[in-house]
C-alpha cells in the first residue's frame, strides 16, 4: 500500500470517528436542553471556558489571510 492511499484511509477513518462523536454530542445536547427548565446559569469561569472554545473554533475555521 502506498503512502497516499494509507493516508487517505487513516484520514477517512478519523473523519468517520469525529462525525460519529459529533452526532452523539449533538443528540446528547438536544436531550439535555429538553430537560432544562428556563435559562442555564453559568459561572464566570464557565463562560470564559466556553468563550475560549468558541474563539479557538472560529480561528480554525477562518480563512487564512494572504501573507
Protein backbone atom coordinates (compact mmCIF):
# COMPACT_ATOMS: atom_id res chain seq x y z
CA UNK A 1 0.00 0.00 0.00
CA UNK A 2 1.47 3.35 -0.97
CA UNK A 3 1.64 6.30 1.43
CA UNK A 4 -1.06 8.34 -0.29
CA UNK A 5 -3.58 5.50 -0.10
CA UNK A 6 -2.66 4.76 3.52
CA UNK A 7 -3.01 8.43 4.45
CA UNK A 8 -6.39 8.62 2.71
CA UNK A 9 -7.56 5.54 4.63
CA UNK A 10 -6.41 6.87 8.02
CA UNK A 11 -7.88 10.30 7.33
CA UNK A 12 -11.20 8.79 6.34
CA UNK A 13 -11.26 6.66 9.48
CA UNK A 14 -10.57 9.68 11.69
CA UNK A 15 -13.22 11.71 9.87
CA UNK A 16 -15.80 8.96 10.43
CA UNK A 17 -14.93 8.75 14.13
CA UNK A 18 -15.22 12.52 14.54
CA UNK A 19 -18.53 12.56 12.67
CA UNK A 20 -19.92 9.81 14.92
CA UNK A 21 -18.70 11.61 18.06
CA UNK A 22 -20.21 14.90 16.85
CA UNK A 23 -23.56 13.24 16.11
CA UNK A 24 -23.58 11.71 19.60
CA UNK A 25 -22.81 15.05 21.27
CA UNK A 26 -25.49 16.82 19.22
CA UNK A 27 -28.09 14.23 20.29
CA UNK A 28 -26.94 14.47 23.91
CA UNK A 29 -27.23 18.28 23.79
CA UNK A 30 -30.77 18.07 22.39
CA UNK A 31 -31.79 15.69 25.20
CA UNK A 32 -30.22 17.84 27.92
CA UNK A 33 -31.75 21.05 26.51
CA UNK A 34 -35.16 19.41 26.55
CA UNK A 35 -34.71 18.63 30.26
CA UNK A 36 -33.79 22.20 31.20
CA UNK A 37 -36.36 24.46 32.72
CA UNK A 38 -35.60 28.07 31.84
CA UNK A 39 -32.21 29.61 31.32
CA UNK A 40 -28.96 27.90 32.25
CA UNK A 41 -26.89 29.95 34.69
CA UNK A 42 -23.14 29.74 34.12
CA UNK A 43 -20.36 30.93 36.40
CA UNK A 44 -17.82 33.45 35.18
CA UNK A 45 -15.25 30.65 34.79
CA UNK A 46 -17.68 28.52 32.76
CA UNK A 47 -18.49 31.44 30.45
CA UNK A 48 -14.74 32.02 29.99
CA UNK A 49 -14.17 28.38 29.08
CA UNK A 50 -16.96 28.45 26.51
CA UNK A 51 -15.73 31.78 25.13
CA UNK A 52 -12.19 30.49 24.65
CA UNK A 53 -13.56 27.40 22.89
CA UNK A 54 -15.64 29.50 20.50
CA UNK A 55 -12.71 31.78 19.70
CA UNK A 56 -10.40 28.82 19.02
CA UNK A 57 -13.06 27.25 16.80
CA UNK A 58 -13.57 30.49 14.86
CA UNK A 59 -9.82 30.92 14.32
CA UNK A 60 -9.55 27.39 12.93
CA UNK A 61 -12.43 28.00 10.52
CA UNK A 62 -11.44 31.49 9.38
CA UNK A 63 -9.74 31.74 6.00
CA UNK A 64 -6.04 32.42 6.18
CA UNK A 65 -5.11 35.97 5.20
CA UNK A 66 -2.52 36.26 2.43
CA UNK A 67 0.97 36.91 3.74
